[in-house]
Amino acid sequence: MKQTFTKNLLIKYIYNETTAAEKLLVEEKLNSDYELYEYYCELYDSYKALPKVTFSPSQETISNILSYSRSTQFVLR
Protein backbone atom coordinates (compact mmCIF):
# COMPACT_ATOMS: atom_id res chain seq x y z
CA MET A 1 0.00 0.00 0.00
CA LYS A 2 1.34 3.42 -0.88
CA GLN A 3 2.10 5.79 2.00
CA THR A 4 0.11 8.61 0.41
CA PHE A 5 -3.03 6.51 0.65
CA THR A 6 -4.34 6.33 4.21
CA LYS A 7 -6.18 3.53 5.97
CA ASN A 8 -8.61 6.12 7.28
CA LEU A 9 -9.66 6.96 3.74
CA LEU A 10 -10.51 3.30 3.11
CA ILE A 11 -12.59 3.24 6.27
CA LYS A 12 -14.39 6.41 5.21
CA TYR A 13 -15.03 4.78 1.84
CA ILE A 14 -16.52 1.66 3.44
CA TYR A 15 -18.87 3.83 5.53
CA ASN A 16 -19.80 6.00 2.50
CA GLU A 17 -18.34 9.11 4.13
CA THR A 18 -16.00 10.16 1.32
CA THR A 19 -16.37 13.10 -1.00
CA ALA A 20 -16.95 12.39 -4.68
CA ALA A 21 -13.27 13.10 -5.41
CA GLU A 22 -12.11 10.80 -2.62
CA LYS A 23 -14.45 8.05 -3.82
CA LEU A 24 -13.00 8.24 -7.33
CA LEU A 25 -9.46 8.19 -5.93
CA VAL A 26 -10.16 5.12 -3.78
CA GLU A 27 -11.80 3.24 -6.65
CA GLU A 28 -8.92 4.08 -8.97
CA LYS A 29 -6.37 2.90 -6.41
CA LEU A 30 -8.33 -0.30 -5.68
CA ASN A 31 -8.35 -1.13 -9.40
CA SER A 32 -4.63 -0.60 -9.79
CA ASP A 33 -3.15 -1.87 -6.51
CA TYR A 34 -3.85 -5.51 -5.68
CA GLU A 35 -2.25 -5.29 -2.23
CA LEU A 36 -4.52 -2.36 -1.38
CA TYR A 37 -7.52 -4.26 -2.75
CA GLU A 38 -6.71 -7.23 -0.48
CA TYR A 39 -6.47 -4.90 2.51
CA TYR A 40 -9.78 -3.29 1.53
CA CYS A 41 -11.41 -6.75 1.36
CA GLU A 42 -10.17 -7.54 4.87
CA LEU A 43 -11.52 -4.24 6.18
CA TYR A 44 -14.84 -4.71 4.40
CA ASP A 45 -15.26 -8.27 5.74
CA SER A 46 -14.58 -6.95 9.24
CA TYR A 47 -17.13 -4.17 8.72
CA LYS A 48 -19.74 -6.70 7.61
CA ALA A 49 -19.04 -8.86 10.68
CA LEU A 50 -19.75 -6.00 13.09
CA PRO A 51 -23.16 -6.26 14.73
CA LYS A 52 -25.72 -3.78 13.51
CA VAL A 53 -26.83 -1.94 16.61
CA THR A 54 -29.60 0.59 16.83
CA PHE A 55 -30.32 2.68 19.86
CA SER A 56 -33.61 4.20 20.88
CA PRO A 57 -34.61 5.71 24.21
CA SER A 58 -37.43 4.25 26.23
CA GLN A 59 -40.79 6.00 26.27
CA GLU A 60 -40.16 6.95 29.90
CA THR A 61 -36.92 8.70 28.95
CA ILE A 62 -38.65 10.64 26.17
CA SER A 63 -41.42 11.66 28.58
CA ASN A 64 -38.88 12.82 31.16
CA ILE A 65 -37.05 14.94 28.59
CA LEU A 66 -40.27 16.52 27.32
CA SER A 67 -41.47 17.17 30.87
CA TYR A 68 -38.16 18.83 31.78
CA SER A 69 -38.30 20.89 28.62
CA ARG A 70 -41.82 22.11 29.41
CA SER A 71 -40.84 23.00 32.99
CA THR A 72 -37.83 25.09 31.93
CA GLN A 73 -39.24 26.87 28.90
CA PHE A 74 -39.19 30.65 28.84
CA VAL A 75 -42.43 32.56 28.66
CA LEU A 76 -42.24 35.67 26.52
CA ARG A 77 -44.33 38.56 27.78
PDB file of N, CA and C in Angstrom:
ATOM      1  N   MET A   1       0.843  -1.171   0.000  1.00  0.00           N
ATOM      2  CA  MET A   1       0.000   0.000   0.000  1.00  0.00           C
ATOM      3  C   MET A   1       0.888   1.234   0.000  1.00  0.00           C
ATOM      4  N   LYS A   2       0.561   2.200  -0.776  1.00  0.00           N
ATOM      5  CA  LYS A   2       1.337   3.423  -0.880  1.00  0.00           C
ATOM      6  C   LYS A   2       1.147   4.257   0.393  1.00  0.00           C
ATOM      7  N   GLN A   3       2.174   4.974   0.791  1.00  0.00           N
ATOM      8  CA  GLN A   3       2.102   5.787   1.999  1.00  0.00           C
ATOM      9  C   GLN A   3       1.174   6.977   1.839  1.00  0.00           C
ATOM     10  N   THR A   4       0.968   7.446   0.617  1.00  0.00           N
ATOM     11  CA  THR A   4       0.112   8.610   0.406  1.00  0.00           C
ATOM     12  C   THR A   4      -1.367   8.246   0.538  1.00  0.00           C
ATOM     13  N   PHE A   5      -1.651   6.970   0.563  1.00  0.00           N
ATOM     14  CA  PHE A   5      -3.028   6.506   0.648  1.00  0.00           C
ATOM     15  C   PHE A   5      -3.283   6.024   2.074  1.00  0.00           C
ATOM     16  N   THR A   6      -4.172   6.646   2.793  1.00  0.00           N
ATOM     17  CA  THR A   6      -4.336   6.330   4.207  1.00  0.00           C
ATOM     18  C   THR A   6      -5.390   5.253   4.451  1.00  0.00           C
ATOM     19  N   LYS A   7      -5.208   4.538   5.545  1.00  0.00           N
ATOM     20  CA  LYS A   7      -6.176   3.530   5.967  1.00  0.00           C
ATOM     21  C   LYS A   7      -7.491   4.198   6.344  1.00  0.00           C
ATOM     22  N   ASN A   8      -7.395   5.399   6.901  1.00  0.00           N
ATOM     23  CA  ASN A   8      -8.608   6.124   7.284  1.00  0.00           C
ATOM     24  C   ASN A   8      -9.490   6.422   6.084  1.00  0.00           C
ATOM     25  N   LEU A   9      -8.884   6.688   4.943  1.00  0.00           N
ATOM     26  CA  LEU A   9      -9.660   6.959   3.741  1.00  0.00           C
ATOM     27  C   LEU A   9     -10.419   5.708   3.296  1.00  0.00           C
ATOM     28  N   LEU A  10      -9.804   4.548   3.434  1.00  0.00           N
ATOM     29  CA  LEU A  10     -10.508   3.303   3.107  1.00  0.00           C
ATOM     30  C   LEU A  10     -11.695   3.088   4.040  1.00  0.00           C
ATOM     31  N   ILE A  11     -11.503   3.389   5.303  1.00  0.00           N
ATOM     32  CA  ILE A  11     -12.592   3.237   6.268  1.00  0.00           C
ATOM     33  C   ILE A  11     -13.715   4.213   5.942  1.00  0.00           C
ATOM     34  N   LYS A  12     -13.371   5.443   5.619  1.00  0.00           N
ATOM     35  CA  LYS A  12     -14.391   6.413   5.209  1.00  0.00           C
ATOM     36  C   LYS A  12     -15.138   5.912   3.977  1.00  0.00           C
ATOM     37  N   TYR A  13     -14.420   5.311   3.058  1.00  0.00           N
ATOM     38  CA  TYR A  13     -15.026   4.778   1.837  1.00  0.00           C
ATOM     39  C   TYR A  13     -16.024   3.664   2.169  1.00  0.00           C
ATOM     40  N   ILE A  14     -15.641   2.769   3.059  1.00  0.00           N
ATOM     41  CA  ILE A  14     -16.517   1.663   3.445  1.00  0.00           C
ATOM     42  C   ILE A  14     -17.807   2.189   4.074  1.00  0.00           C
ATOM     43  N   TYR A  15     -17.702   3.248   4.857  1.00  0.00           N
ATOM     44  CA  TYR A  15     -18.872   3.826   5.527  1.00  0.00           C
ATOM     45  C   TYR A  15     -19.577   4.893   4.673  1.00  0.00           C
ATOM     46  N   ASN A  16     -19.195   5.024   3.418  1.00  0.00           N
ATOM     47  CA  ASN A  16     -19.800   6.004   2.498  1.00  0.00           C
ATOM     48  C   ASN A  16     -19.701   7.435   3.030  1.00  0.00           C
ATOM     49  N   GLU A  17     -18.551   7.776   3.578  1.00  0.00           N
ATOM     50  CA  GLU A  17     -18.340   9.109   4.126  1.00  0.00           C
ATOM     51  C   GLU A  17     -17.297   9.902   3.343  1.00  0.00           C
ATOM     52  N   THR A  18     -16.986   9.464   2.144  1.00  0.00           N
ATOM     53  CA  THR A  18     -15.996  10.157   1.322  1.00  0.00           C
ATOM     54  C   THR A  18     -16.670  11.175   0.409  1.00  0.00           C
ATOM     55  N   THR A  19     -15.891  12.162   0.008  1.00  0.00           N
ATOM     56  CA  THR A  19     -16.373  13.097  -1.003  1.00  0.00           C
ATOM     57  C   THR A  19     -16.351  12.378  -2.349  1.00  0.00           C
ATOM     58  N   ALA A  20     -16.942  12.986  -3.351  1.00  0.00           N
ATOM     59  CA  ALA A  20     -16.948  12.393  -4.684  1.00  0.00           C
ATOM     60  C   ALA A  20     -15.521  12.206  -5.210  1.00  0.00           C
ATOM     61  N   ALA A  21     -14.668  13.189  -4.952  1.00  0.00           N
ATOM     62  CA  ALA A  21     -13.275  13.105  -5.411  1.00  0.00           C
ATOM     63  C   ALA A  21     -12.532  11.983  -4.689  1.00  0.00           C
ATOM     64  N   GLU A  22     -12.756  11.865  -3.380  1.00  0.00           N
ATOM     65  CA  GLU A  22     -12.109  10.797  -2.621  1.00  0.00           C
ATOM     66  C   GLU A  22     -12.592   9.428  -3.083  1.00  0.00           C
ATOM     67  N   LYS A  23     -13.877   9.324  -3.356  1.00  0.00           N
ATOM     68  CA  LYS A  23     -14.447   8.048  -3.821  1.00  0.00           C
ATOM     69  C   LYS A  23     -13.786   7.618  -5.130  1.00  0.00           C
ATOM     70  N   LEU A  24     -13.646   8.551  -6.054  1.00  0.00           N
ATOM     71  CA  LEU A  24     -12.996   8.236  -7.326  1.00  0.00           C
ATOM     72  C   LEU A  24     -11.542   7.818  -7.118  1.00  0.00           C
ATOM     73  N   LEU A  25     -10.845   8.518  -6.221  1.00  0.00           N
ATOM     74  CA  LEU A  25      -9.457   8.191  -5.930  1.00  0.00           C
ATOM     75  C   LEU A  25      -9.344   6.777  -5.356  1.00  0.00           C
ATOM     76  N   VAL A  26     -10.192   6.443  -4.397  1.00  0.00           N
ATOM     77  CA  VAL A  26     -10.162   5.119  -3.784  1.00  0.00           C
ATOM     78  C   VAL A  26     -10.429   4.051  -4.833  1.00  0.00           C
ATOM     79  N   GLU A  27     -11.457   4.246  -5.646  1.00  0.00           N
ATOM     80  CA  GLU A  27     -11.800   3.241  -6.653  1.00  0.00           C
ATOM     81  C   GLU A  27     -10.686   3.062  -7.674  1.00  0.00           C
ATOM     82  N   GLU A  28     -10.046   4.162  -8.041  1.00  0.00           N
ATOM     83  CA  GLU A  28      -8.916   4.083  -8.975  1.00  0.00           C
ATOM     84  C   GLU A  28      -7.763   3.301  -8.353  1.00  0.00           C
ATOM     85  N   LYS A  29      -7.463   3.590  -7.093  1.00  0.00           N
ATOM     86  CA  LYS A  29      -6.372   2.898  -6.407  1.00  0.00           C
ATOM     87  C   LYS A  29      -6.685   1.414  -6.212  1.00  0.00           C
ATOM     88  N   LEU A  30      -7.944   1.105  -5.880  1.00  0.00           N
ATOM     89  CA  LEU A  30      -8.328  -0.297  -5.684  1.00  0.00           C
ATOM     90  C   LEU A  30      -8.193  -1.093  -6.974  1.00  0.00           C
ATOM     91  N   ASN A  31      -8.465  -0.452  -8.102  1.00  0.00           N
ATOM     92  CA  ASN A  31      -8.352  -1.128  -9.398  1.00  0.00           C
ATOM     93  C   ASN A  31      -6.913  -1.326  -9.850  1.00  0.00           C
ATOM     94  N   SER A  32      -6.004  -0.518  -9.314  1.00  0.00           N
ATOM     95  CA  SER A  32      -4.627  -0.601  -9.794  1.00  0.00           C
ATOM     96  C   SER A  32      -3.634  -1.196  -8.786  1.00  0.00           C
ATOM     97  N   ASP A  33      -4.056  -1.388  -7.544  1.00  0.00           N
ATOM     98  CA  ASP A  33      -3.145  -1.867  -6.507  1.00  0.00           C
ATOM     99  C   ASP A  33      -3.756  -3.090  -5.827  1.00  0.00           C
ATOM    100  N   TYR A  34      -3.267  -4.269  -6.195  1.00  0.00           N
ATOM    101  CA  TYR A  34      -3.852  -5.509  -5.678  1.00  0.00           C
ATOM    102  C   TYR A  34      -3.654  -5.641  -4.168  1.00  0.00           C
ATOM    103  N   GLU A  35      -2.509  -5.221  -3.667  1.00  0.00           N
ATOM    104  CA  GLU A  35      -2.252  -5.290  -2.227  1.00  0.00           C
ATOM    105  C   GLU A  35      -3.257  -4.428  -1.468  1.00  0.00           C
ATOM    106  N   LEU A  36      -3.526  -3.242  -1.988  1.00  0.00           N
ATOM    107  CA  LEU A  36      -4.518  -2.359  -1.383  1.00  0.00           C
ATOM    108  C   LEU A  36      -5.907  -2.991  -1.458  1.00  0.00           C
ATOM    109  N   TYR A  37      -6.221  -3.603  -2.586  1.00  0.00           N
ATOM    110  CA  TYR A  37      -7.523  -4.263  -2.750  1.00  0.00           C
ATOM    111  C   TYR A  37      -7.696  -5.383  -1.728  1.00  0.00           C
ATOM    112  N   GLU A  38      -6.642  -6.164  -1.485  1.00  0.00           N
ATOM    113  CA  GLU A  38      -6.710  -7.231  -0.481  1.00  0.00           C
ATOM    114  C   GLU A  38      -6.953  -6.642   0.901  1.00  0.00           C
ATOM    115  N   TYR A  39      -6.277  -5.562   1.213  1.00  0.00           N
ATOM    116  CA  TYR A  39      -6.470  -4.901   2.509  1.00  0.00           C
ATOM    117  C   TYR A  39      -7.897  -4.374   2.628  1.00  0.00           C
ATOM    118  N   TYR A  40      -8.399  -3.780   1.545  1.00  0.00           N
ATOM    119  CA  TYR A  40      -9.785  -3.292   1.534  1.00  0.00           C
ATOM    120  C   TYR A  40     -10.751  -4.448   1.794  1.00  0.00           C
ATOM    121  N   CYS A  41     -10.531  -5.587   1.170  1.00  0.00           N
ATOM    122  CA  CYS A  41     -11.405  -6.747   1.362  1.00  0.00           C
ATOM    123  C   CYS A  41     -11.413  -7.201   2.816  1.00  0.00           C
ATOM    124  N   GLU A  42     -10.258  -7.193   3.451  1.00  0.00           N
ATOM    125  CA  GLU A  42     -10.171  -7.537   4.874  1.00  0.00           C
ATOM    126  C   GLU A  42     -10.968  -6.549   5.723  1.00  0.00           C
ATOM    127  N   LEU A  43     -10.785  -5.266   5.440  1.00  0.00           N
ATOM    128  CA  LEU A  43     -11.522  -4.244   6.182  1.00  0.00           C
ATOM    129  C   LEU A  43     -13.023  -4.384   5.964  1.00  0.00           C
ATOM    130  N   TYR A  44     -13.421  -4.615   4.720  1.00  0.00           N
ATOM    131  CA  TYR A  44     -14.839  -4.715   4.396  1.00  0.00           C
ATOM    132  C   TYR A  44     -15.466  -5.944   5.061  1.00  0.00           C
ATOM    133  N   ASP A  45     -14.758  -7.063   5.059  1.00  0.00           N
ATOM    134  CA  ASP A  45     -15.258  -8.267   5.737  1.00  0.00           C
ATOM    135  C   ASP A  45     -15.421  -8.012   7.233  1.00  0.00           C
ATOM    136  N   SER A  46     -14.483  -7.294   7.825  1.00  0.00           N
ATOM    137  CA  SER A  46     -14.581  -6.945   9.240  1.00  0.00           C
ATOM    138  C   SER A  46     -15.776  -6.041   9.496  1.00  0.00           C
ATOM    139  N   TYR A  47     -15.984  -5.079   8.614  1.00  0.00           N
ATOM    140  CA  TYR A  47     -17.131  -4.166   8.716  1.00  0.00           C
ATOM    141  C   TYR A  47     -18.439  -4.956   8.666  1.00  0.00           C
ATOM    142  N   LYS A  48     -18.528  -5.896   7.753  1.00  0.00           N
ATOM    143  CA  LYS A  48     -19.743  -6.701   7.611  1.00  0.00           C
ATOM    144  C   LYS A  48     -19.981  -7.592   8.828  1.00  0.00           C
ATOM    145  N   ALA A  49     -18.917  -7.981   9.518  1.00  0.00           N
ATOM    146  CA  ALA A  49     -19.037  -8.855  10.679  1.00  0.00           C
ATOM    147  C   ALA A  49     -19.468  -8.111  11.941  1.00  0.00           C
ATOM    148  N   LEU A  50     -19.344  -6.778  11.915  1.00  0.00           N
ATOM    149  CA  LEU A  50     -19.752  -6.001  13.087  1.00  0.00           C
ATOM    150  C   LEU A  50     -21.260  -6.103  13.273  1.00  0.00           C
ATOM    151  N   PRO A  51     -21.713  -6.210  14.504  1.00  0.00           N
ATOM    152  CA  PRO A  51     -23.159  -6.262  14.729  1.00  0.00           C
ATOM    153  C   PRO A  51     -23.803  -4.927  14.387  1.00  0.00           C
ATOM    154  N   LYS A  52     -24.971  -4.992  13.836  1.00  0.00           N
ATOM    155  CA  LYS A  52     -25.715  -3.776  13.513  1.00  0.00           C
ATOM    156  C   LYS A  52     -26.559  -3.421  14.726  1.00  0.00           C
ATOM    157  N   VAL A  53     -26.183  -2.341  15.378  1.00  0.00           N
ATOM    158  CA  VAL A  53     -26.834  -1.939  16.614  1.00  0.00           C
ATOM    159  C   VAL A  53     -27.613  -0.654  16.371  1.00  0.00           C
ATOM    160  N   THR A  54     -28.814  -0.632  16.871  1.00  0.00           N
ATOM    161  CA  THR A  54     -29.603   0.595  16.830  1.00  0.00           C
ATOM    162  C   THR A  54     -29.986   0.948  18.261  1.00  0.00           C
ATOM    163  N   PHE A  55     -29.991   2.207  18.533  1.00  0.00           N
ATOM    164  CA  PHE A  55     -30.321   2.680  19.865  1.00  0.00           C
ATOM    165  C   PHE A  55     -31.573   3.535  19.797  1.00  0.00           C
ATOM    166  N   SER A  56     -32.450   3.334  20.758  1.00  0.00           N
ATOM    167  CA  SER A  56     -33.606   4.203  20.878  1.00  0.00           C
ATOM    168  C   SER A  56     -33.956   4.316  22.354  1.00  0.00           C
ATOM    169  N   PRO A  57     -34.290   5.518  22.796  1.00  0.00           N
ATOM    170  CA  PRO A  57     -34.611   5.706  24.208  1.00  0.00           C
ATOM    171  C   PRO A  57     -35.966   5.098  24.538  1.00  0.00           C
ATOM    172  N   SER A  58     -36.139   4.772  25.795  1.00  0.00           N
ATOM    173  CA  SER A  58     -37.430   4.253  26.234  1.00  0.00           C
ATOM    174  C   SER A  58     -38.459   5.375  26.229  1.00  0.00           C
ATOM    175  N   GLN A  59     -39.719   5.007  26.251  1.00  0.00           N
ATOM    176  CA  GLN A  59     -40.786   6.004  26.268  1.00  0.00           C
ATOM    177  C   GLN A  59     -40.700   6.847  27.542  1.00  0.00           C
ATOM    178  N   GLU A  60     -40.301   6.224  28.641  1.00  0.00           N
ATOM    179  CA  GLU A  60     -40.160   6.950  29.903  1.00  0.00           C
ATOM    180  C   GLU A  60     -39.086   8.036  29.785  1.00  0.00           C
ATOM    181  N   THR A  61     -37.986   7.719  29.145  1.00  0.00           N
ATOM    182  CA  THR A  61     -36.920   8.700  28.954  1.00  0.00           C
ATOM    183  C   THR A  61     -37.396   9.866  28.107  1.00  0.00           C
ATOM    184  N   ILE A  62     -38.112   9.576  27.044  1.00  0.00           N
ATOM    185  CA  ILE A  62     -38.650  10.637  26.172  1.00  0.00           C
ATOM    186  C   ILE A  62     -39.609  11.519  26.972  1.00  0.00           C
ATOM    187  N   SER A  63     -40.471  10.897  27.762  1.00  0.00           N
ATOM    188  CA  SER A  63     -41.423  11.656  28.583  1.00  0.00           C
ATOM    189  C   SER A  63     -40.695  12.546  29.577  1.00  0.00           C
ATOM    190  N   ASN A  64     -39.658  12.022  30.197  1.00  0.00           N
ATOM    191  CA  ASN A  64     -38.884  12.823  31.155  1.00  0.00           C
ATOM    192  C   ASN A  64     -38.235  14.025  30.487  1.00  0.00           C
ATOM    193  N   ILE A  65     -37.696  13.836  29.322  1.00  0.00           N
ATOM    194  CA  ILE A  65     -37.054  14.941  28.592  1.00  0.00           C
ATOM    195  C   ILE A  65     -38.079  15.997  28.222  1.00  0.00           C
ATOM    196  N   LEU A  66     -39.229  15.568  27.706  1.00  0.00           N
ATOM    197  CA  LEU A  66     -40.274  16.521  27.325  1.00  0.00           C
ATOM    198  C   LEU A  66     -40.819  17.257  28.544  1.00  0.00           C
ATOM    199  N   SER A  67     -40.984  16.546  29.632  1.00  0.00           N
ATOM    200  CA  SER A  67     -41.467  17.168  30.867  1.00  0.00           C
ATOM    201  C   SER A  67     -40.467  18.215  31.356  1.00  0.00           C
ATOM    202  N   TYR A  68     -39.198  17.874  31.363  1.00  0.00           N
ATOM    203  CA  TYR A  68     -38.164  18.825  31.780  1.00  0.00           C
ATOM    204  C   TYR A  68     -38.157  20.039  30.859  1.00  0.00           C
ATOM    205  N   SER A  69     -38.292  19.798  29.589  1.00  0.00           N
ATOM    206  CA  SER A  69     -38.295  20.892  28.624  1.00  0.00           C
ATOM    207  C   SER A  69     -39.470  21.838  28.877  1.00  0.00           C
ATOM    208  N   ARG A  70     -40.647  21.277  29.135  1.00  0.00           N
ATOM    209  CA  ARG A  70     -41.819  22.114  29.412  1.00  0.00           C
ATOM    210  C   ARG A  70     -41.632  22.924  30.702  1.00  0.00           C
ATOM    211  N   SER A  71     -40.997  22.306  31.696  1.00  0.00           N
ATOM    212  CA  SER A  71     -40.836  22.995  32.991  1.00  0.00           C
ATOM    213  C   SER A  71     -39.781  24.092  32.949  1.00  0.00           C
ATOM    214  N   THR A  72     -38.906  24.087  31.986  1.00  0.00           N
ATOM    215  CA  THR A  72     -37.832  25.088  31.929  1.00  0.00           C
ATOM    216  C   THR A  72     -37.991  26.052  30.772  1.00  0.00           C
ATOM    217  N   GLN A  73     -39.101  25.987  30.052  1.00  0.00           N
ATOM    218  CA  GLN A  73     -39.240  26.875  28.897  1.00  0.00           C
ATOM    219  C   GLN A  73     -39.462  28.310  29.357  1.00  0.00           C
ATOM    220  N   PHE A  74     -39.026  29.246  28.545  1.00  0.00           N
ATOM    221  CA  PHE A  74     -39.190  30.650  28.838  1.00  0.00           C
ATOM    222  C   PHE A  74     -40.547  31.105  28.323  1.00  0.00           C
ATOM    223  N   VAL A  75     -41.160  31.975  29.078  1.00  0.00           N
ATOM    224  CA  VAL A  75     -42.433  32.560  28.661  1.00  0.00           C
ATOM    225  C   VAL A  75     -42.156  33.990  28.264  1.00  0.00           C
ATOM    226  N   LEU A  76     -42.447  34.314  27.001  1.00  0.00           N
ATOM    227  CA  LEU A  76     -42.245  35.673  26.516  1.00  0.00           C
ATOM    228  C   LEU A  76     -43.459  36.513  26.868  1.00  0.00           C
ATOM    229  N   ARG A  77     -43.213  37.675  27.415  1.00  0.00           N
ATOM    230  CA  ARG A  77     -44.328  38.559  27.779  1.00  0.00           C
ATOM    231  C   ARG A  77     -44.196  39.866  27.070  1.00  0.00           C
TER     232      ARG A  77
END
